[in-house]
PDB file of N, CA and C in Angstrom:
ATOM      1  N   MET A   1     -49.899  -0.733 -26.355  1.00  0.00           N
ATOM      2  CA  MET A   1     -48.717  -0.870 -25.002  1.00  0.00           C
ATOM      3  C   MET A   1     -47.664  -0.356 -26.313  1.00  0.00           C
ATOM      4  N   GLU A   2     -46.953   0.380 -25.564  1.00  0.00           N
ATOM      5  CA  GLU A   2     -45.784   0.858 -26.351  1.00  0.00           C
ATOM      6  C   GLU A   2     -44.727  -0.103 -26.662  1.00  0.00           C
ATOM      7  N   GLU A   3     -43.443  -0.537 -27.573  1.00  0.00           N
ATOM      8  CA  GLU A   3     -42.977  -1.377 -27.382  1.00  0.00           C
ATOM      9  C   GLU A   3     -41.569  -0.332 -27.221  1.00  0.00           C
ATOM     10  N   PHE A   4     -40.446  -0.956 -25.854  1.00  0.00           N
ATOM     11  CA  PHE A   4     -39.401   0.259 -25.663  1.00  0.00           C
ATOM     12  C   PHE A   4     -38.359  -0.536 -26.501  1.00  0.00           C
ATOM     13  N   GLU A   5     -37.232   0.846 -27.299  1.00  0.00           N
ATOM     14  CA  GLU A   5     -36.289  -0.138 -27.944  1.00  0.00           C
ATOM     15  C   GLU A   5     -34.977  -0.844 -27.043  1.00  0.00           C
ATOM     16  N   ASP A   6     -34.063  -1.185 -27.381  1.00  0.00           N
ATOM     17  CA  ASP A   6     -32.691  -1.552 -26.369  1.00  0.00           C
ATOM     18  C   ASP A   6     -31.990  -0.127 -26.731  1.00  0.00           C
ATOM     19  N   LYS A   7     -31.686   0.320 -25.754  1.00  0.00           N
ATOM     20  CA  LYS A   7     -30.650   0.880 -26.561  1.00  0.00           C
ATOM     21  C   LYS A   7     -29.237   1.026 -25.673  1.00  0.00           C
ATOM     22  N   THR A   8     -29.015  -0.253 -24.984  1.00  0.00           N
ATOM     23  CA  THR A   8     -27.836  -0.509 -24.539  1.00  0.00           C
ATOM     24  C   THR A   8     -26.562  -0.729 -25.079  1.00  0.00           C
ATOM     25  N   VAL A   9     -25.582  -0.254 -24.786  1.00  0.00           N
ATOM     26  CA  VAL A   9     -23.938   0.495 -25.478  1.00  0.00           C
ATOM     27  C   VAL A   9     -23.154  -1.367 -25.828  1.00  0.00           C
ATOM     28  N   LYS A  10     -23.266  -1.463 -26.950  1.00  0.00           N
ATOM     29  CA  LYS A  10     -22.188  -2.752 -26.918  1.00  0.00           C
ATOM     30  C   LYS A  10     -20.867  -2.596 -26.996  1.00  0.00           C
ATOM     31  N   PRO A  11     -19.725  -3.120 -26.114  1.00  0.00           N
ATOM     32  CA  PRO A  11     -18.471  -2.580 -26.205  1.00  0.00           C
ATOM     33  C   PRO A  11     -18.011  -3.368 -27.375  1.00  0.00           C
ATOM     34  N   GLU A  12     -17.204  -2.737 -27.968  1.00  0.00           N
ATOM     35  CA  GLU A  12     -16.457  -3.092 -29.295  1.00  0.00           C
ATOM     36  C   GLU A  12     -15.373  -3.762 -29.120  1.00  0.00           C
ATOM     37  N   PRO A  13     -15.220  -5.019 -30.294  1.00  0.00           N
ATOM     38  CA  PRO A  13     -14.742  -5.519 -29.391  1.00  0.00           C
ATOM     39  C   PRO A  13     -13.056  -5.651 -29.635  1.00  0.00           C
ATOM     40  N   GLU A  14     -12.297  -6.347 -28.944  1.00  0.00           N
ATOM     41  CA  GLU A  14     -11.160  -5.642 -28.590  1.00  0.00           C
ATOM     42  C   GLU A  14     -10.573  -6.306 -30.079  1.00  0.00           C
ATOM     43  N   LYS A  15      -9.724  -5.371 -30.676  1.00  0.00           N
ATOM     44  CA  LYS A  15      -8.830  -5.427 -31.681  1.00  0.00           C
ATOM     45  C   LYS A  15      -7.434  -6.431 -30.796  1.00  0.00           C
ATOM     46  N   PRO A  16      -7.233  -7.288 -32.163  1.00  0.00           N
ATOM     47  CA  PRO A  16      -5.900  -8.314 -31.496  1.00  0.00           C
ATOM     48  C   PRO A  16      -4.400  -7.478 -31.684  1.00  0.00           C
ATOM     49  N   GLY A  17      -3.853  -7.271 -30.594  1.00  0.00           N
ATOM     50  CA  GLY A  17      -1.878  -6.616 -30.588  1.00  0.00           C
ATOM     51  C   GLY A  17      -2.544  -5.062 -30.181  1.00  0.00           C
ATOM     52  N   GLN A  18      -3.738  -4.809 -29.484  1.00  0.00           N
ATOM     53  CA  GLN A  18      -4.245  -3.838 -28.630  1.00  0.00           C
ATOM     54  C   GLN A  18      -4.466  -3.894 -27.333  1.00  0.00           C
ATOM     55  N   GLU A  19      -3.183  -2.947 -26.234  1.00  0.00           N
ATOM     56  CA  GLU A  19      -3.668  -3.624 -24.823  1.00  0.00           C
ATOM     57  C   GLU A  19      -3.901  -2.286 -24.676  1.00  0.00           C
ATOM     58  N   GLU A  20      -4.698  -1.874 -23.797  1.00  0.00           N
ATOM     59  CA  GLU A  20      -4.808  -1.318 -22.841  1.00  0.00           C
ATOM     60  C   GLU A  20      -4.404  -0.574 -21.239  1.00  0.00           C
ATOM     61  N   GLN A  21      -3.449   0.219 -21.201  1.00  0.00           N
ATOM     62  CA  GLN A  21      -2.573   0.426 -19.837  1.00  0.00           C
ATOM     63  C   GLN A  21      -3.305   0.535 -19.038  1.00  0.00           C
ATOM     64  N   LYS A  22      -3.295   0.352 -18.034  1.00  0.00           N
ATOM     65  CA  LYS A  22      -4.001   0.299 -16.724  1.00  0.00           C
ATOM     66  C   LYS A  22      -3.321   1.584 -16.425  1.00  0.00           C
ATOM     67  N   ILE A  23      -3.766   2.404 -15.670  1.00  0.00           N
ATOM     68  CA  ILE A  23      -2.626   4.168 -14.826  1.00  0.00           C
ATOM     69  C   ILE A  23      -3.507   3.300 -13.638  1.00  0.00           C
ATOM     70  N   VAL A  24      -2.379   3.534 -12.269  1.00  0.00           N
ATOM     71  CA  VAL A  24      -2.324   3.008 -10.593  1.00  0.00           C
ATOM     72  C   VAL A  24      -1.986   4.213 -10.621  1.00  0.00           C
ATOM     73  N   ARG A  25      -1.998   4.804  -9.616  1.00  0.00           N
ATOM     74  CA  ARG A  25      -1.477   5.539  -8.289  1.00  0.00           C
ATOM     75  C   ARG A  25      -1.033   4.857  -6.888  1.00  0.00           C
ATOM     76  N   ALA A  26      -0.247   4.941  -6.739  1.00  0.00           N
ATOM     77  CA  ALA A  26       0.190   4.788  -5.329  1.00  0.00           C
ATOM     78  C   ALA A  26       0.303   6.018  -4.661  1.00  0.00           C
ATOM     79  N   LYS A  27      -0.063   5.818  -2.987  1.00  0.00           N
ATOM     80  CA  LYS A  27       0.881   7.348  -2.201  1.00  0.00           C
ATOM     81  C   LYS A  27       1.673   7.122  -1.544  1.00  0.00           C
ATOM     82  N   LEU A  28       2.565   7.897  -2.259  1.00  0.00           N
ATOM     83  CA  LEU A  28       4.024   7.899  -2.215  1.00  0.00           C
ATOM     84  C   LEU A  28       4.566   8.732  -0.760  1.00  0.00           C
ATOM     85  N   PRO A  29       5.107   8.469  -0.109  1.00  0.00           N
ATOM     86  CA  PRO A  29       5.824   9.277   1.306  1.00  0.00           C
ATOM     87  C   PRO A  29       6.286  10.394   1.001  1.00  0.00           C
ATOM     88  N   ARG A  30       5.949  11.532   1.396  1.00  0.00           N
ATOM     89  CA  ARG A  30       6.372  12.875   1.592  1.00  0.00           C
ATOM     90  C   ARG A  30       6.648  13.442   3.100  1.00  0.00           C
ATOM     91  N   GLY A  31       7.742  14.112   2.992  1.00  0.00           N
ATOM     92  CA  GLY A  31       8.519  15.332   3.986  1.00  0.00           C
ATOM     93  C   GLY A  31       9.274  13.616   4.823  1.00  0.00           C
ATOM     94  N   ARG A  32       8.515  13.326   6.104  1.00  0.00           N
ATOM     95  CA  ARG A  32       9.524  12.517   6.975  1.00  0.00           C
ATOM     96  C   ARG A  32       8.793  10.971   6.777  1.00  0.00           C
ATOM     97  N   GLU A  33       8.265  10.782   5.575  1.00  0.00           N
ATOM     98  CA  GLU A  33       7.272   9.937   5.731  1.00  0.00           C
ATOM     99  C   GLU A  33       8.210   8.389   5.099  1.00  0.00           C
ATOM    100  N   ILE A  34       7.908   7.634   5.489  1.00  0.00           N
ATOM    101  CA  ILE A  34       8.727   6.085   4.961  1.00  0.00           C
ATOM    102  C   ILE A  34       8.002   5.056   4.917  1.00  0.00           C
ATOM    103  N   LEU A  35       8.356   4.182   3.359  1.00  0.00           N
ATOM    104  CA  LEU A  35       7.710   2.698   3.517  1.00  0.00           C
ATOM    105  C   LEU A  35       8.515   2.334   4.536  1.00  0.00           C
ATOM    106  N   GLY A  36       7.656   0.770   4.426  1.00  0.00           N
ATOM    107  CA  GLY A  36       7.975  -0.334   5.285  1.00  0.00           C
ATOM    108  C   GLY A  36       7.018  -1.507   5.471  1.00  0.00           C
ATOM    109  N   ILE A  37       7.583  -2.666   5.720  1.00  0.00           N
ATOM    110  CA  ILE A  37       7.126  -3.816   5.328  1.00  0.00           C
ATOM    111  C   ILE A  37       7.391  -4.302   7.576  1.00  0.00           C
ATOM    112  N   MET A  38       5.635  -4.706   7.515  1.00  0.00           N
ATOM    113  CA  MET A  38       4.735  -4.731   8.571  1.00  0.00           C
ATOM    114  C   MET A  38       5.886  -6.291   8.989  1.00  0.00           C
ATOM    115  N   GLU A  39       6.356  -6.752   9.946  1.00  0.00           N
ATOM    116  CA  GLU A  39       7.636  -7.865  10.291  1.00  0.00           C
ATOM    117  C   GLU A  39       6.819  -8.686  11.377  1.00  0.00           C
ATOM    118  N   GLN A  40       6.259  -8.258  12.214  1.00  0.00           N
ATOM    119  CA  GLN A  40       5.348  -8.975  13.387  1.00  0.00           C
ATOM    120  C   GLN A  40       4.260  -7.766  14.470  1.00  0.00           C
ATOM    121  N   ARG A  41       3.343  -8.322  15.007  1.00  0.00           N
ATOM    122  CA  ARG A  41       2.245  -7.972  15.846  1.00  0.00           C
ATOM    123  C   ARG A  41       2.933  -8.126  17.345  1.00  0.00           C
ATOM    124  N   LEU A  42       2.473  -7.109  18.004  1.00  0.00           N
ATOM    125  CA  LEU A  42       3.541  -6.861  19.252  1.00  0.00           C
ATOM    126  C   LEU A  42       2.279  -7.037  20.273  1.00  0.00           C
ATOM    127  N   GLY A  43       1.237  -6.812  19.449  1.00  0.00           N
ATOM    128  CA  GLY A  43       0.005  -6.873  20.722  1.00  0.00           C
ATOM    129  C   GLY A  43      -0.786  -5.184  20.986  1.00  0.00           C
ATOM    130  N   GLY A  44      -2.178  -5.222  21.205  1.00  0.00           N
ATOM    131  CA  GLY A  44      -2.847  -4.305  21.100  1.00  0.00           C
ATOM    132  C   GLY A  44      -2.763  -3.516  19.569  1.00  0.00           C
ATOM    133  N   ASN A  45      -2.535  -2.491  19.590  1.00  0.00           N
ATOM    134  CA  ASN A  45      -2.143  -2.059  18.628  1.00  0.00           C
ATOM    135  C   ASN A  45      -0.923  -1.400  17.638  1.00  0.00           C
ATOM    136  N   LYS A  46       0.506  -1.948  18.399  1.00  0.00           N
ATOM    137  CA  LYS A  46       1.571  -1.649  18.232  1.00  0.00           C
ATOM    138  C   LYS A  46       2.419  -2.564  17.056  1.00  0.00           C
ATOM    139  N   MET A  47       2.793  -2.490  16.193  1.00  0.00           N
ATOM    140  CA  MET A  47       3.315  -3.376  15.248  1.00  0.00           C
ATOM    141  C   MET A  47       5.205  -2.790  14.875  1.00  0.00           C
ATOM    142  N   LEU A  48       5.860  -4.181  14.465  1.00  0.00           N
ATOM    143  CA  LEU A  48       7.450  -4.051  14.420  1.00  0.00           C
ATOM    144  C   LEU A  48       7.423  -4.115  12.980  1.00  0.00           C
ATOM    145  N   ILE A  49       8.330  -2.884  12.037  1.00  0.00           N
ATOM    146  CA  ILE A  49       7.937  -2.452  11.517  1.00  0.00           C
ATOM    147  C   ILE A  49       9.272  -1.976  10.606  1.00  0.00           C
ATOM    148  N   VAL A  50       9.148  -3.121   9.224  1.00  0.00           N
ATOM    149  CA  VAL A  50      11.325  -3.169   8.931  1.00  0.00           C
ATOM    150  C   VAL A  50      11.230  -2.205   8.357  1.00  0.00           C
ATOM    151  N   CYS A  51      11.734  -0.214   8.349  1.00  0.00           N
ATOM    152  CA  CYS A  51      11.894   1.071   7.070  1.00  0.00           C
ATOM    153  C   CYS A  51      12.802   0.344   5.965  1.00  0.00           C
ATOM    154  N   THR A  52      12.528   1.147   4.916  1.00  0.00           N
ATOM    155  CA  THR A  52      13.519   1.568   3.735  1.00  0.00           C
ATOM    156  C   THR A  52      14.702   1.842   4.490  1.00  0.00           C
ATOM    157  N   ASP A  53      14.657   2.698   5.531  1.00  0.00           N
ATOM    158  CA  ASP A  53      15.919   3.288   5.751  1.00  0.00           C
ATOM    159  C   ASP A  53      16.693   2.826   6.477  1.00  0.00           C
ATOM    160  N   GLY A  54      16.664   0.922   6.994  1.00  0.00           N
ATOM    161  CA  GLY A  54      17.090   0.630   7.459  1.00  0.00           C
ATOM    162  C   GLY A  54      16.620   0.094   8.921  1.00  0.00           C
ATOM    163  N   LYS A  55      16.170   0.906   9.070  1.00  0.00           N
ATOM    164  CA  LYS A  55      15.655   0.379  10.374  1.00  0.00           C
ATOM    165  C   LYS A  55      14.338  -0.071  11.093  1.00  0.00           C
ATOM    166  N   THR A  56      14.747  -0.918  11.989  1.00  0.00           N
ATOM    167  CA  THR A  56      13.481  -1.137  12.202  1.00  0.00           C
ATOM    168  C   THR A  56      12.579  -0.339  14.132  1.00  0.00           C
ATOM    169  N   ARG A  57      10.944  -0.510  13.246  1.00  0.00           N
ATOM    170  CA  ARG A  57      11.130   0.710  14.487  1.00  0.00           C
ATOM    171  C   ARG A  57       9.460   0.272  15.030  1.00  0.00           C
ATOM    172  N   ASN A  58       9.295   0.332  15.997  1.00  0.00           N
ATOM    173  CA  ASN A  58       8.444   0.030  17.050  1.00  0.00           C
ATOM    174  C   ASN A  58       6.504   1.155  16.585  1.00  0.00           C
ATOM    175  N   CYS A  59       5.397   0.470  15.746  1.00  0.00           N
ATOM    176  CA  CYS A  59       4.936   1.549  15.068  1.00  0.00           C
ATOM    177  C   CYS A  59       3.569   1.127  15.785  1.00  0.00           C
ATOM    178  N   ARG A  60       3.143   2.605  15.718  1.00  0.00           N
ATOM    179  CA  ARG A  60       1.392   2.418  16.130  1.00  0.00           C
ATOM    180  C   ARG A  60      -0.222   2.344  15.381  1.00  0.00           C
ATOM    181  N   VAL A  61      -1.072   2.300  15.539  1.00  0.00           N
ATOM    182  CA  VAL A  61      -1.858   2.776  14.739  1.00  0.00           C
ATOM    183  C   VAL A  61      -2.883   3.591  15.690  1.00  0.00           C
ATOM    184  N   PRO A  62      -2.541   5.398  15.146  1.00  0.00           N
ATOM    185  CA  PRO A  62      -3.223   6.183  15.482  1.00  0.00           C
ATOM    186  C   PRO A  62      -4.616   6.126  15.765  1.00  0.00           C
ATOM    187  N   GLY A  63      -5.518   6.427  16.751  1.00  0.00           N
ATOM    188  CA  GLY A  63      -6.543   6.247  17.162  1.00  0.00           C
ATOM    189  C   GLY A  63      -7.825   6.374  15.789  1.00  0.00           C
ATOM    190  N   ARG A  64      -7.444   7.158  14.932  1.00  0.00           N
ATOM    191  CA  ARG A  64      -8.623   7.267  14.077  1.00  0.00           C
ATOM    192  C   ARG A  64      -8.223   6.742  13.222  1.00  0.00           C
ATOM    193  N   LEU A  65      -7.098   5.825  12.915  1.00  0.00           N
ATOM    194  CA  LEU A  65      -7.739   4.479  11.997  1.00  0.00           C
ATOM    195  C   LEU A  65      -7.606   3.284  12.304  1.00  0.00           C
ATOM    196  N   ARG A  66      -7.806   3.076  13.575  1.00  0.00           N
ATOM    197  CA  ARG A  66      -7.422   1.665  14.355  1.00  0.00           C
ATOM    198  C   ARG A  66      -8.366   1.001  14.156  1.00  0.00           C
ATOM    199  N   ARG A  67     -10.147   1.349  13.951  1.00  0.00           N
ATOM    200  CA  ARG A  67     -11.160   0.319  13.377  1.00  0.00           C
ATOM    201  C   ARG A  67     -10.933   0.114  11.775  1.00  0.00           C
ATOM    202  N   ARG A  68     -10.346   0.688  11.329  1.00  0.00           N
ATOM    203  CA  ARG A  68     -10.309   0.799   9.725  1.00  0.00           C
ATOM    204  C   ARG A  68      -8.780   0.436   9.508  1.00  0.00           C
ATOM    205  N   LEU A  69      -8.410  -0.330   9.541  1.00  0.00           N
ATOM    206  CA  LEU A  69      -6.976  -0.124   9.149  1.00  0.00           C
ATOM    207  C   LEU A  69      -6.700  -1.986   9.962  1.00  0.00           C
ATOM    208  N   TRP A  70      -6.383  -2.592   8.767  1.00  0.00           N
ATOM    209  CA  TRP A  70      -6.026  -4.000   9.364  1.00  0.00           C
ATOM    210  C   TRP A  70      -4.558  -4.667   9.087  1.00  0.00           C
ATOM    211  N   LEU A  71      -3.795  -4.714   9.712  1.00  0.00           N
ATOM    212  CA  LEU A  71      -2.852  -5.229   9.410  1.00  0.00           C
ATOM    213  C   LEU A  71      -2.057  -6.468   9.588  1.00  0.00           C
ATOM    214  N   ARG A  72      -1.367  -6.761   8.374  1.00  0.00           N
ATOM    215  CA  ARG A  72      -1.220  -8.485   8.760  1.00  0.00           C
ATOM    216  C   ARG A  72       0.250  -8.708   8.470  1.00  0.00           C
ATOM    217  N   PRO A  73       1.509  -9.236   9.177  1.00  0.00           N
ATOM    218  CA  PRO A  73       2.907  -9.409   8.578  1.00  0.00           C
ATOM    219  C   PRO A  73       2.782 -10.030   7.050  1.00  0.00           C
ATOM    220  N   GLY A  74       4.159  -8.833   6.466  1.00  0.00           N
ATOM    221  CA  GLY A  74       3.934  -8.829   5.159  1.00  0.00           C
ATOM    222  C   GLY A  74       3.714  -7.773   4.429  1.00  0.00           C
ATOM    223  N   ASP A  75       2.238  -6.864   4.748  1.00  0.00           N
ATOM    224  CA  ASP A  75       2.096  -5.749   4.663  1.00  0.00           C
ATOM    225  C   ASP A  75       3.019  -4.471   4.201  1.00  0.00           C
ATOM    226  N   ILE A  76       3.038  -3.829   3.184  1.00  0.00           N
ATOM    227  CA  ILE A  76       3.506  -2.632   3.105  1.00  0.00           C
ATOM    228  C   ILE A  76       3.158  -1.182   3.540  1.00  0.00           C
ATOM    229  N   VAL A  77       3.418  -0.924   4.190  1.00  0.00           N
ATOM    230  CA  VAL A  77       3.060   0.234   5.274  1.00  0.00           C
ATOM    231  C   VAL A  77       3.522   1.693   4.456  1.00  0.00           C
ATOM    232  N   THR A  78       2.882   2.868   4.843  1.00  0.00           N
ATOM    233  CA  THR A  78       3.848   3.959   5.040  1.00  0.00           C
ATOM    234  C   THR A  78       3.554   4.802   6.850  1.00  0.00           C
ATOM    235  N   VAL A  79       5.131   4.947   6.988  1.00  0.00           N
ATOM    236  CA  VAL A  79       5.353   5.420   7.885  1.00  0.00           C
ATOM    237  C   VAL A  79       5.551   6.801   8.918  1.00  0.00           C
ATOM    238  N   GLU A  80       4.966   7.284   9.741  1.00  0.00           N
ATOM    239  CA  GLU A  80       5.449   8.555  10.159  1.00  0.00           C
ATOM    240  C   GLU A  80       6.513   8.543  11.161  1.00  0.00           C
ATOM    241  N   PRO A  81       7.900   8.597  11.290  1.00  0.00           N
ATOM    242  CA  PRO A  81       8.060   8.907  12.437  1.00  0.00           C
ATOM    243  C   PRO A  81       8.058  10.043  13.549  1.00  0.00           C
ATOM    244  N   TRP A  82       8.121   9.626  14.945  1.00  0.00           N
ATOM    245  CA  TRP A  82       8.053  10.259  15.697  1.00  0.00           C
ATOM    246  C   TRP A  82       8.788  11.598  15.668  1.00  0.00           C
ATOM    247  N   GLU A  83       8.975  12.641  15.988  1.00  0.00           N
ATOM    248  CA  GLU A  83       9.922  13.310  15.969  1.00  0.00           C
ATOM    249  C   GLU A  83      11.052  13.421  17.028  1.00  0.00           C
ATOM    250  N   LEU A  84      10.011  13.164  18.507  1.00  0.00           N
ATOM    251  CA  LEU A  84      11.174  13.289  19.590  1.00  0.00           C
ATOM    252  C   LEU A  84      12.378  11.786  19.338  1.00  0.00           C
ATOM    253  N   ASP A  85      11.382  11.020  18.962  1.00  0.00           N
ATOM    254  CA  ASP A  85      11.428   9.142  19.381  1.00  0.00           C
ATOM    255  C   ASP A  85      11.887   8.674  17.882  1.00  0.00           C
ATOM    256  N   ASP A  86      13.123   8.533  17.374  1.00  0.00           N
ATOM    257  CA  ASP A  86      12.935   8.081  15.913  1.00  0.00           C
ATOM    258  C   ASP A  86      13.106   6.814  15.855  1.00  0.00           C
ATOM    259  N   GLU A  87      12.562   5.726  17.017  1.00  0.00           N
ATOM    260  CA  GLU A  87      12.990   4.508  17.004  1.00  0.00           C
ATOM    261  C   GLU A  87      11.701   4.276  17.141  1.00  0.00           C
ATOM    262  N   LYS A  88      10.729   4.766  16.972  1.00  0.00           N
ATOM    263  CA  LYS A  88       8.959   4.977  17.125  1.00  0.00           C
ATOM    264  C   LYS A  88       8.578   5.855  16.020  1.00  0.00           C
ATOM    265  N   ALA A  89       7.351   5.004  15.534  1.00  0.00           N
ATOM    266  CA  ALA A  89       6.306   5.358  14.481  1.00  0.00           C
ATOM    267  C   ALA A  89       5.388   5.552  14.343  1.00  0.00           C
ATOM    268  N   ASP A  90       4.044   6.421  13.439  1.00  0.00           N
ATOM    269  CA  ASP A  90       3.153   5.849  13.539  1.00  0.00           C
ATOM    270  C   ASP A  90       2.425   5.572  11.861  1.00  0.00           C
ATOM    271  N   ILE A  91       1.837   4.175  12.268  1.00  0.00           N
ATOM    272  CA  ILE A  91       1.569   3.941  10.623  1.00  0.00           C
ATOM    273  C   ILE A  91       0.216   5.085   9.989  1.00  0.00           C
ATOM    274  N   ILE A  92       0.084   5.045   8.652  1.00  0.00           N
ATOM    275  CA  ILE A  92      -0.392   6.287   8.787  1.00  0.00           C
ATOM    276  C   ILE A  92      -1.079   5.919   7.451  1.00  0.00           C
ATOM    277  N   PHE A  93      -1.046   4.773   6.248  1.00  0.00           N
ATOM    278  CA  PHE A  93      -1.653   4.090   5.245  1.00  0.00           C
ATOM    279  C   PHE A  93      -0.492   2.509   4.951  1.00  0.00           C
ATOM    280  N   LYS A  94      -1.423   2.055   4.656  1.00  0.00           N
ATOM    281  CA  LYS A  94      -0.990   0.362   3.964  1.00  0.00           C
ATOM    282  C   LYS A  94      -1.426   0.488   2.569  1.00  0.00           C
ATOM    283  N   HIS A  95      -0.790   0.013   1.802  1.00  0.00           N
ATOM    284  CA  HIS A  95      -0.946   0.012   0.310  1.00  0.00           C
ATOM    285  C   HIS A  95      -1.350  -1.455   0.137  1.00  0.00           C
ATOM    286  N   ARG A  96      -2.183  -0.911  -0.937  1.00  0.00           N
ATOM    287  CA  ARG A  96      -2.806  -2.461  -1.860  1.00  0.00           C
ATOM    288  C   ARG A  96      -1.851  -3.002  -2.520  1.00  0.00           C
ATOM    289  N   PRO A  97      -2.488  -4.152  -2.462  1.00  0.00           N
ATOM    290  CA  PRO A  97      -0.995  -4.632  -3.369  1.00  0.00           C
ATOM    291  C   PRO A  97      -1.333  -4.634  -5.292  1.00  0.00           C
ATOM    292  N   ASN A  98      -1.807  -4.228  -6.072  1.00  0.00           N
ATOM    293  CA  ASN A  98      -2.121  -3.438  -7.201  1.00  0.00           C
ATOM    294  C   ASN A  98      -1.201  -2.055  -6.621  1.00  0.00           C
ATOM    295  N   GLN A  99      -1.123  -1.275  -5.963  1.00  0.00           N
ATOM    296  CA  GLN A  99      -0.352  -0.334  -5.897  1.00  0.00           C
ATOM    297  C   GLN A  99       1.426  -0.641  -5.287  1.00  0.00           C
ATOM    298  N   VAL A 100       1.375  -1.521  -4.630  1.00  0.00           N
ATOM    299  CA  VAL A 100       2.776  -2.658  -4.374  1.00  0.00           C
ATOM    300  C   VAL A 100       3.362  -3.072  -4.964  1.00  0.00           C
ATOM    301  N   ALA A 101       2.723  -2.942  -6.589  1.00  0.00           N
ATOM    302  CA  ALA A 101       3.482  -3.629  -7.951  1.00  0.00           C
ATOM    303  C   ALA A 101       3.926  -2.496  -8.769  1.00  0.00           C
ATOM    304  N   TRP A 102       3.504  -0.855  -8.144  1.00  0.00           N
ATOM    305  CA  TRP A 102       3.408  -0.589  -8.814  1.00  0.00           C
ATOM    306  C   TRP A 102       5.002   0.508  -8.860  1.00  0.00           C
ATOM    307  N   LEU A 103       4.569   0.151  -6.820  1.00  0.00           N
ATOM    308  CA  LEU A 103       6.255   0.757  -6.178  1.00  0.00           C
ATOM    309  C   LEU A 103       7.512  -0.062  -6.811  1.00  0.00           C
ATOM    310  N   LYS A 104       7.174  -1.043  -6.673  1.00  0.00           N
ATOM    311  CA  LYS A 104       8.122  -1.828  -7.022  1.00  0.00           C
ATOM    312  C   LYS A 104       7.855  -2.294  -8.699  1.00  0.00           C
ATOM    313  N   ARG A 105       7.906  -1.280  -9.305  1.00  0.00           N
ATOM    314  CA  ARG A 105       8.101  -1.160 -10.824  1.00  0.00           C
ATOM    315  C   ARG A 105       8.362  -0.036 -11.089  1.00  0.00           C
ATOM    316  N   ASN A 106       8.184   1.035 -10.217  1.00  0.00           N
ATOM    317  CA  ASN A 106       9.107   2.024 -10.108  1.00  0.00           C
ATOM    318  C   ASN A 106       9.534   2.396  -9.505  1.00  0.00           C
ATOM    319  N   GLY A 107      10.723   1.480  -8.835  1.00  0.00           N
ATOM    320  CA  GLY A 107      12.101   1.964  -7.857  1.00  0.00           C
ATOM    321  C   GLY A 107      12.205   2.205  -6.374  1.00  0.00           C
ATOM    322  N   TYR A 108      10.370   2.412  -6.581  1.00  0.00           N
ATOM    323  CA  TYR A 108      10.421   3.040  -4.840  1.00  0.00           C
ATOM    324  C   TYR A 108      10.326   1.723  -3.543  1.00  0.00           C
ATOM    325  N   LEU A 109       9.828   0.564  -4.126  1.00  0.00           N
ATOM    326  CA  LEU A 109      10.674  -0.542  -3.277  1.00  0.00           C
ATOM    327  C   LEU A 109      11.266  -1.335  -4.030  1.00  0.00           C
ATOM    328  N   LYS A 110      12.300  -1.853  -3.135  1.00  0.00           N
ATOM    329  CA  LYS A 110      13.543  -2.744  -3.689  1.00  0.00           C
ATOM    330  C   LYS A 110      12.432  -4.219  -3.761  1.00  0.00           C
ATOM    331  N   THR A 111      12.393  -4.637  -4.483  1.00  0.00           N
ATOM    332  CA  THR A 111      12.040  -6.640  -5.429  1.00  0.00           C
ATOM    333  C   THR A 111      12.434  -6.978  -3.848  1.00  0.00           C
ATOM    334  N   GLU A 112      11.995  -8.581  -3.550  1.00  0.00           N
ATOM    335  CA  GLU A 112      12.276  -8.858  -1.987  1.00  0.00           C
ATOM    336  C   GLU A 112      13.580 -10.279  -2.570  1.00  0.00           C
ATOM    337  N   LYS A 113      14.419 -10.034  -1.845  1.00  0.00           N
ATOM    338  CA  LYS A 113      15.464 -11.636  -2.444  1.00  0.00           C
ATOM    339  C   LYS A 113      15.050 -13.100  -1.902  1.00  0.00           C
ATOM    340  N   GLN A 114      15.382 -14.070  -2.691  1.00  0.00           N
ATOM    341  CA  GLN A 114      14.927 -14.839  -2.768  1.00  0.00           C
ATOM    342  C   GLN A 114      16.235 -15.502  -1.173  1.00  0.00           C
ATOM    343  N   GLU A 115      15.412 -15.984  -0.653  1.00  0.00           N
ATOM    344  CA  GLU A 115      16.541 -17.036   0.463  1.00  0.00           C
ATOM    345  C   GLU A 115      16.677 -18.311   0.321  1.00  0.00           C
ATOM    346  N   PHE A 116      16.553 -18.905  -0.293  1.00  0.00           N
ATOM    347  CA  PHE A 116      16.174 -20.117  -0.489  1.00  0.00           C
ATOM    348  C   PHE A 116      17.496 -20.123  -1.906  1.00  0.00           C
TER     349      PHE A 116
END
C-alpha cells in the first residue's frame, strides 16, 4: 500500500499589529430609490416605512419577492416610490446588519438618536 502525504496548507500565524480590513459592499440607492426603516407591519404584504427623505410611505413587497423577503420592524430597506403616487412605494431590497454598519460608517444612514 502506498502512503499518502499530507498536503494541506497551514495558514501562517498572524503577526501582531497587522489587521486585515474586511471589504463590505452594500447596495446603494440608484435613481428614484430611497433608503428607509421599517416602522410597522400593516397586514398582508404592506408595511409603513420611514424614508430618509422625511416621508412615511405605505410600502408593499412585490410578488416576485414575497416569499424571499422577510421583514421585521427596524429593518433597513431600499424602496422605490411609485411614479403616480409618491406616498406609496415598493420594497426592493433588505440590507443585512453588516451592510447597515457600512452605510452608517460612510454617511448614507444617520446614526440613531438616543431617546432617553
